[in-house]
Amino acid sequence: MDKIDRYYKTHPESARLNVIDVWQKVIDYPKAGKARPDPGETWKNAHWYLNGEWWHQIYESEQLGFVKGYLW
C-alpha cells in the first residue's frame, strides 16, 4: 500500500489510473537466478530409466517368471 500511495503522490498525472494498474507498475518481481543442477541423475521420461532395453537383455523364461511373479 505504501508503494501505491507513493506512486500516486509522485505521479499526479496518473491520478486516473486504477489501483490494479499502479500496483502492476510498482510490484517487485523476484529476479531470476540460475538453477543449480541437482546432484545425481535425472530422468525426463515417466518410466525412469526403464526404456525397454533391460527387458530385452533377459531370457524369455526369465521374462515369463517376472510376469508370473508380478501377477501373483
PDB file of N, CA and C in Angstrom:
ATOM      1  N   MET A   1       0.826  -1.186   0.000  1.00  0.00           N
ATOM      2  CA  MET A   1       0.000   0.000   0.000  1.00  0.00           C
ATOM      3  C   MET A   1       0.870   1.249   0.000  1.00  0.00           C
ATOM      4  N   ASP A   2       1.995   1.183   0.698  1.00  0.00           N
ATOM      5  CA  ASP A   2       2.879   2.353   0.738  1.00  0.00           C
ATOM      6  C   ASP A   2       3.430   2.673  -0.649  1.00  0.00           C
ATOM      7  N   LYS A   3       3.787   1.640  -1.382  1.00  0.00           N
ATOM      8  CA  LYS A   3       4.341   1.871  -2.720  1.00  0.00           C
ATOM      9  C   LYS A   3       3.300   2.487  -3.652  1.00  0.00           C
ATOM     10  N   ILE A   4       2.072   2.000  -3.547  1.00  0.00           N
ATOM     11  CA  ILE A   4       0.995   2.546  -4.389  1.00  0.00           C
ATOM     12  C   ILE A   4       0.717   3.985  -4.011  1.00  0.00           C
ATOM     13  N   ASP A   5       0.652   4.270  -2.720  1.00  0.00           N
ATOM     14  CA  ASP A   5       0.427   5.632  -2.241  1.00  0.00           C
ATOM     15  C   ASP A   5       1.541   6.563  -2.709  1.00  0.00           C
ATOM     16  N   ARG A   6       2.779   6.100  -2.591  1.00  0.00           N
ATOM     17  CA  ARG A   6       3.926   6.900  -3.023  1.00  0.00           C
ATOM     18  C   ARG A   6       3.876   7.149  -4.533  1.00  0.00           C
ATOM     19  N   TYR A   7       3.448   6.146  -5.298  1.00  0.00           N
ATOM     20  CA  TYR A   7       3.365   6.313  -6.752  1.00  0.00           C
ATOM     21  C   TYR A   7       2.355   7.402  -7.114  1.00  0.00           C
ATOM     22  N   TYR A   8       1.179   7.353  -6.489  1.00  0.00           N
ATOM     23  CA  TYR A   8       0.159   8.370  -6.772  1.00  0.00           C
ATOM     24  C   TYR A   8       0.655   9.769  -6.395  1.00  0.00           C
ATOM     25  N   LYS A   9       1.393   9.871  -5.295  1.00  0.00           N
ATOM     26  CA  LYS A   9       1.884  11.187  -4.850  1.00  0.00           C
ATOM     27  C   LYS A   9       2.984  11.721  -5.752  1.00  0.00           C
ATOM     28  N   THR A  10       3.819  10.838  -6.279  1.00  0.00           N
ATOM     29  CA  THR A  10       4.926  11.294  -7.131  1.00  0.00           C
ATOM     30  C   THR A  10       4.568  11.357  -8.611  1.00  0.00           C
ATOM     31  N   HIS A  11       3.402  10.829  -8.977  1.00  0.00           N
ATOM     32  CA  HIS A  11       2.944  10.863 -10.375  1.00  0.00           C
ATOM     33  C   HIS A  11       1.509  11.406 -10.429  1.00  0.00           C
ATOM     34  N   PRO A  12       1.336  12.685 -10.209  1.00  0.00           N
ATOM     35  CA  PRO A  12      -0.024  13.237 -10.187  1.00  0.00           C
ATOM     36  C   PRO A  12      -0.761  13.081 -11.524  1.00  0.00           C
ATOM     37  N   GLU A  13      -0.026  12.967 -12.603  1.00  0.00           N
ATOM     38  CA  GLU A  13      -0.665  12.791 -13.908  1.00  0.00           C
ATOM     39  C   GLU A  13      -1.315  11.411 -14.025  1.00  0.00           C
ATOM     40  N   SER A  14      -0.980  10.496 -13.140  1.00  0.00           N
ATOM     41  CA  SER A  14      -1.543   9.148 -13.166  1.00  0.00           C
ATOM     42  C   SER A  14      -2.705   8.983 -12.194  1.00  0.00           C
ATOM     43  N   ALA A  15      -3.301  10.071 -11.773  1.00  0.00           N
ATOM     44  CA  ALA A  15      -4.380  10.014 -10.784  1.00  0.00           C
ATOM     45  C   ALA A  15      -5.587   9.235 -11.296  1.00  0.00           C
ATOM     46  N   ARG A  16      -5.745   9.144 -12.594  1.00  0.00           N
ATOM     47  CA  ARG A  16      -6.904   8.429 -13.140  1.00  0.00           C
ATOM     48  C   ARG A  16      -6.663   6.926 -13.297  1.00  0.00           C
ATOM     49  N   LEU A  17      -5.450   6.499 -13.091  1.00  0.00           N
ATOM     50  CA  LEU A  17      -5.168   5.065 -13.188  1.00  0.00           C
ATOM     51  C   LEU A  17      -5.796   4.343 -12.009  1.00  0.00           C
ATOM     52  N   ASN A  18      -6.322   3.151 -12.285  1.00  0.00           N
ATOM     53  CA  ASN A  18      -6.882   2.391 -11.167  1.00  0.00           C
ATOM     54  C   ASN A  18      -5.762   1.729 -10.373  1.00  0.00           C
ATOM     55  N   VAL A  19      -6.093   1.259  -9.208  1.00  0.00           N
ATOM     56  CA  VAL A  19      -5.106   0.719  -8.284  1.00  0.00           C
ATOM     57  C   VAL A  19      -4.397  -0.501  -8.865  1.00  0.00           C
ATOM     58  N   ILE A  20      -5.114  -1.332  -9.600  1.00  0.00           N
ATOM     59  CA  ILE A  20      -4.505  -2.531 -10.182  1.00  0.00           C
ATOM     60  C   ILE A  20      -3.388  -2.161 -11.153  1.00  0.00           C
ATOM     61  N   ASP A  21      -3.631  -1.168 -11.996  1.00  0.00           N
ATOM     62  CA  ASP A  21      -2.603  -0.749 -12.952  1.00  0.00           C
ATOM     63  C   ASP A  21      -1.375  -0.189 -12.238  1.00  0.00           C
ATOM     64  N   VAL A  22      -1.606   0.602 -11.203  1.00  0.00           N
ATOM     65  CA  VAL A  22      -0.480   1.154 -10.445  1.00  0.00           C
ATOM     66  C   VAL A  22       0.253   0.035  -9.715  1.00  0.00           C
ATOM     67  N   TRP A  23      -0.485  -0.884  -9.152  1.00  0.00           N
ATOM     68  CA  TRP A  23       0.131  -1.998  -8.437  1.00  0.00           C
ATOM     69  C   TRP A  23       1.062  -2.781  -9.364  1.00  0.00           C
ATOM     70  N   GLN A  24       0.638  -2.991 -10.623  1.00  0.00           N
ATOM     71  CA  GLN A  24       1.480  -3.712 -11.577  1.00  0.00           C
ATOM     72  C   GLN A  24       2.743  -2.930 -11.920  1.00  0.00           C
ATOM     73  N   LYS A  25       2.691  -1.622 -11.797  1.00  0.00           N
ATOM     74  CA  LYS A  25       3.869  -0.806 -12.079  1.00  0.00           C
ATOM     75  C   LYS A  25       4.873  -0.837 -10.927  1.00  0.00           C
ATOM     76  N   VAL A  26       4.383  -0.952  -9.687  1.00  0.00           N
ATOM     77  CA  VAL A  26       5.280  -0.838  -8.534  1.00  0.00           C
ATOM     78  C   VAL A  26       5.657  -2.178  -7.921  1.00  0.00           C
ATOM     79  N   ILE A  27       5.081  -3.259  -8.381  1.00  0.00           N
ATOM     80  CA  ILE A  27       5.361  -4.568  -7.781  1.00  0.00           C
ATOM     81  C   ILE A  27       6.816  -4.952  -8.019  1.00  0.00           C
ATOM     82  N   ASP A  28       7.405  -5.575  -7.023  1.00  0.00           N
ATOM     83  CA  ASP A  28       8.776  -6.065  -7.135  1.00  0.00           C
ATOM     84  C   ASP A  28       8.743  -7.524  -7.552  1.00  0.00           C
ATOM     85  N   TYR A  29       9.180  -7.779  -8.772  1.00  0.00           N
ATOM     86  CA  TYR A  29       9.247  -9.150  -9.247  1.00  0.00           C
ATOM     87  C   TYR A  29      10.573  -9.752  -8.801  1.00  0.00           C
ATOM     88  N   PRO A  30      10.566 -10.990  -8.360  1.00  0.00           N
ATOM     89  CA  PRO A  30      11.838 -11.611  -7.976  1.00  0.00           C
ATOM     90  C   PRO A  30      12.729 -11.784  -9.198  1.00  0.00           C
ATOM     91  N   LYS A  31      14.006 -11.603  -8.976  1.00  0.00           N
ATOM     92  CA  LYS A  31      14.962 -11.752 -10.078  1.00  0.00           C
ATOM     93  C   LYS A  31      15.225 -13.229 -10.312  1.00  0.00           C
ATOM     94  N   ALA A  32      15.285 -13.588 -11.568  1.00  0.00           N
ATOM     95  CA  ALA A  32      15.538 -14.981 -11.925  1.00  0.00           C
ATOM     96  C   ALA A  32      16.987 -15.316 -11.615  1.00  0.00           C
ATOM     97  N   GLY A  33      17.163 -16.380 -10.892  1.00  0.00           N
ATOM     98  CA  GLY A  33      18.504 -16.845 -10.578  1.00  0.00           C
ATOM     99  C   GLY A  33      18.817 -18.092 -11.365  1.00  0.00           C
ATOM    100  N   LYS A  34      20.047 -18.441 -11.361  1.00  0.00           N
ATOM    101  CA  LYS A  34      20.435 -19.672 -12.051  1.00  0.00           C
ATOM    102  C   LYS A  34      20.055 -20.861 -11.184  1.00  0.00           C
ATOM    103  N   ALA A  35      19.430 -21.802 -11.799  1.00  0.00           N
ATOM    104  CA  ALA A  35      19.065 -23.023 -11.089  1.00  0.00           C
ATOM    105  C   ALA A  35      20.296 -23.910 -10.977  1.00  0.00           C
ATOM    106  N   ARG A  36      20.526 -24.387  -9.784  1.00  0.00           N
ATOM    107  CA  ARG A  36      21.651 -25.296  -9.595  1.00  0.00           C
ATOM    108  C   ARG A  36      21.223 -26.692 -10.009  1.00  0.00           C
ATOM    109  N   PRO A  37      22.066 -27.380 -10.747  1.00  0.00           N
ATOM    110  CA  PRO A  37      21.703 -28.750 -11.118  1.00  0.00           C
ATOM    111  C   PRO A  37      21.706 -29.644  -9.881  1.00  0.00           C
ATOM    112  N   ASP A  38      20.756 -30.540  -9.842  1.00  0.00           N
ATOM    113  CA  ASP A  38      20.684 -31.485  -8.739  1.00  0.00           C
ATOM    114  C   ASP A  38      21.839 -32.469  -8.838  1.00  0.00           C
ATOM    115  N   PRO A  39      22.369 -32.872  -7.709  1.00  0.00           N
ATOM    116  CA  PRO A  39      23.407 -33.900  -7.782  1.00  0.00           C
ATOM    117  C   PRO A  39      22.775 -35.237  -8.158  1.00  0.00           C
ATOM    118  N   GLY A  40      23.401 -35.939  -9.011  1.00  0.00           N
ATOM    119  CA  GLY A  40      22.877 -37.242  -9.409  1.00  0.00           C
ATOM    120  C   GLY A  40      22.189 -37.199 -10.760  1.00  0.00           C
ATOM    121  N   GLU A  41      21.606 -38.317 -11.098  1.00  0.00           N
ATOM    122  CA  GLU A  41      20.978 -38.459 -12.406  1.00  0.00           C
ATOM    123  C   GLU A  41      19.529 -38.011 -12.367  1.00  0.00           C
ATOM    124  N   THR A  42      19.068 -37.487 -13.466  1.00  0.00           N
ATOM    125  CA  THR A  42      17.657 -37.129 -13.602  1.00  0.00           C
ATOM    126  C   THR A  42      17.119 -37.802 -14.853  1.00  0.00           C
ATOM    127  N   TRP A  43      15.840 -38.110 -14.809  1.00  0.00           N
ATOM    128  CA  TRP A  43      15.196 -38.803 -15.924  1.00  0.00           C
ATOM    129  C   TRP A  43      13.986 -37.999 -16.346  1.00  0.00           C
ATOM    130  N   LYS A  44      13.839 -37.795 -17.622  1.00  0.00           N
ATOM    131  CA  LYS A  44      12.756 -36.983 -18.143  1.00  0.00           C
ATOM    132  C   LYS A  44      11.524 -37.799 -18.538  1.00  0.00           C
ATOM    133  N   ASN A  45      11.654 -39.112 -18.640  1.00  0.00           N
ATOM    134  CA  ASN A  45      10.503 -39.912 -19.044  1.00  0.00           C
ATOM    135  C   ASN A  45       9.799 -40.485 -17.818  1.00  0.00           C
ATOM    136  N   ALA A  46       8.585 -40.894 -17.997  1.00  0.00           N
ATOM    137  CA  ALA A  46       7.759 -41.350 -16.880  1.00  0.00           C
ATOM    138  C   ALA A  46       8.230 -42.676 -16.298  1.00  0.00           C
ATOM    139  N   HIS A  47       8.986 -43.439 -17.048  1.00  0.00           N
ATOM    140  CA  HIS A  47       9.383 -44.770 -16.596  1.00  0.00           C
ATOM    141  C   HIS A  47      10.832 -44.827 -16.146  1.00  0.00           C
ATOM    142  N   TRP A  48      11.357 -43.684 -15.739  1.00  0.00           N
ATOM    143  CA  TRP A  48      12.690 -43.641 -15.179  1.00  0.00           C
ATOM    144  C   TRP A  48      13.667 -44.075 -16.246  1.00  0.00           C
ATOM    145  N   TYR A  49      14.552 -44.981 -15.969  1.00  0.00           N
ATOM    146  CA  TYR A  49      15.481 -45.443 -16.986  1.00  0.00           C
ATOM    147  C   TYR A  49      15.000 -46.746 -17.629  1.00  0.00           C
ATOM    148  N   LEU A  50      13.819 -47.210 -17.263  1.00  0.00           N
ATOM    149  CA  LEU A  50      13.303 -48.473 -17.794  1.00  0.00           C
ATOM    150  C   LEU A  50      12.687 -48.230 -19.174  1.00  0.00           C
ATOM    151  N   ASN A  51      13.530 -48.163 -20.156  1.00  0.00           N
ATOM    152  CA  ASN A  51      13.088 -47.831 -21.507  1.00  0.00           C
ATOM    153  C   ASN A  51      12.859 -49.052 -22.386  1.00  0.00           C
ATOM    154  N   GLY A  52      12.908 -50.243 -21.827  1.00  0.00           N
ATOM    155  CA  GLY A  52      12.679 -51.456 -22.599  1.00  0.00           C
ATOM    156  C   GLY A  52      13.936 -52.233 -22.892  1.00  0.00           C
ATOM    157  N   GLU A  53      15.072 -51.582 -22.878  1.00  0.00           N
ATOM    158  CA  GLU A  53      16.316 -52.291 -23.169  1.00  0.00           C
ATOM    159  C   GLU A  53      16.618 -53.336 -22.104  1.00  0.00           C
ATOM    160  N   TRP A  54      16.293 -53.051 -20.869  1.00  0.00           N
ATOM    161  CA  TRP A  54      16.535 -54.015 -19.792  1.00  0.00           C
ATOM    162  C   TRP A  54      15.728 -55.291 -20.008  1.00  0.00           C
ATOM    163  N   TRP A  55      14.547 -55.169 -20.583  1.00  0.00           N
ATOM    164  CA  TRP A  55      13.664 -56.314 -20.813  1.00  0.00           C
ATOM    165  C   TRP A  55      14.256 -57.234 -21.873  1.00  0.00           C
ATOM    166  N   HIS A  56      14.891 -56.658 -22.868  1.00  0.00           N
ATOM    167  CA  HIS A  56      15.452 -57.452 -23.960  1.00  0.00           C
ATOM    168  C   HIS A  56      16.749 -58.151 -23.566  1.00  0.00           C
ATOM    169  N   GLN A  57      17.317 -57.831 -22.424  1.00  0.00           N
ATOM    170  CA  GLN A  57      18.574 -58.419 -22.009  1.00  0.00           C
ATOM    171  C   GLN A  57      18.394 -59.755 -21.280  1.00  0.00           C
ATOM    172  N   ILE A  58      17.166 -60.087 -20.913  1.00  0.00           N
ATOM    173  CA  ILE A  58      16.955 -61.330 -20.169  1.00  0.00           C
ATOM    174  C   ILE A  58      16.284 -62.366 -21.065  1.00  0.00           C
ATOM    175  N   TYR A  59      16.425 -63.626 -20.685  1.00  0.00           N
ATOM    176  CA  TYR A  59      15.845 -64.713 -21.461  1.00  0.00           C
ATOM    177  C   TYR A  59      14.326 -64.699 -21.355  1.00  0.00           C
ATOM    178  N   GLU A  60      13.707 -65.365 -22.329  1.00  0.00           N
ATOM    179  CA  GLU A  60      12.244 -65.428 -22.352  1.00  0.00           C
ATOM    180  C   GLU A  60      11.690 -66.105 -21.093  1.00  0.00           C
ATOM    181  N   SER A  61      12.387 -67.131 -20.612  1.00  0.00           N
ATOM    182  CA  SER A  61      11.924 -67.807 -19.394  1.00  0.00           C
ATOM    183  C   SER A  61      11.987 -66.864 -18.188  1.00  0.00           C
ATOM    184  N   GLU A  62      12.976 -65.992 -18.151  1.00  0.00           N
ATOM    185  CA  GLU A  62      13.063 -65.018 -17.066  1.00  0.00           C
ATOM    186  C   GLU A  62      11.959 -63.957 -17.191  1.00  0.00           C
ATOM    187  N   GLN A  63      11.654 -63.578 -18.422  1.00  0.00           N
ATOM    188  CA  GLN A  63      10.555 -62.634 -18.639  1.00  0.00           C
ATOM    189  C   GLN A  63       9.243 -63.233 -18.148  1.00  0.00           C
ATOM    190  N   LEU A  64       9.003 -64.506 -18.484  1.00  0.00           N
ATOM    191  CA  LEU A  64       7.801 -65.183 -18.067  1.00  0.00           C
ATOM    192  C   LEU A  64       7.736 -65.287 -16.537  1.00  0.00           C
ATOM    193  N   GLY A  65       8.859 -65.591 -15.917  1.00  0.00           N
ATOM    194  CA  GLY A  65       8.914 -65.666 -14.462  1.00  0.00           C
ATOM    195  C   GLY A  65       8.608 -64.317 -13.822  1.00  0.00           C
ATOM    196  N   PHE A  66       9.092 -63.256 -14.437  1.00  0.00           N
ATOM    197  CA  PHE A  66       8.800 -61.923 -13.918  1.00  0.00           C
ATOM    198  C   PHE A  66       7.317 -61.618 -13.981  1.00  0.00           C
ATOM    199  N   VAL A  67       6.703 -61.913 -15.138  1.00  0.00           N
ATOM    200  CA  VAL A  67       5.278 -61.641 -15.317  1.00  0.00           C
ATOM    201  C   VAL A  67       4.445 -62.491 -14.350  1.00  0.00           C
ATOM    202  N   LYS A  68       4.800 -63.775 -14.181  1.00  0.00           N
ATOM    203  CA  LYS A  68       4.083 -64.643 -13.251  1.00  0.00           C
ATOM    204  C   LYS A  68       4.183 -64.100 -11.824  1.00  0.00           C
ATOM    205  N   GLY A  69       5.373 -63.699 -11.437  1.00  0.00           N
ATOM    206  CA  GLY A  69       5.578 -63.144 -10.104  1.00  0.00           C
ATOM    207  C   GLY A  69       4.803 -61.852  -9.899  1.00  0.00           C
ATOM    208  N   TYR A  70       4.782 -61.033 -10.926  1.00  0.00           N
ATOM    209  CA  TYR A  70       4.050 -59.765 -10.841  1.00  0.00           C
ATOM    210  C   TYR A  70       2.543 -60.014 -10.677  1.00  0.00           C
ATOM    211  N   LEU A  71       2.041 -60.945 -11.480  1.00  0.00           N
ATOM    212  CA  LEU A  71       0.601 -61.211 -11.413  1.00  0.00           C
ATOM    213  C   LEU A  71       0.203 -61.933 -10.122  1.00  0.00           C
ATOM    214  N   TRP A  72       1.120 -62.718  -9.557  1.00  0.00           N
ATOM    215  CA  TRP A  72       0.823 -63.414  -8.303  1.00  0.00           C
ATOM    216  C   TRP A  72       0.702 -62.415  -7.179  1.00  0.00           C
TER     217      TRP A  72
END
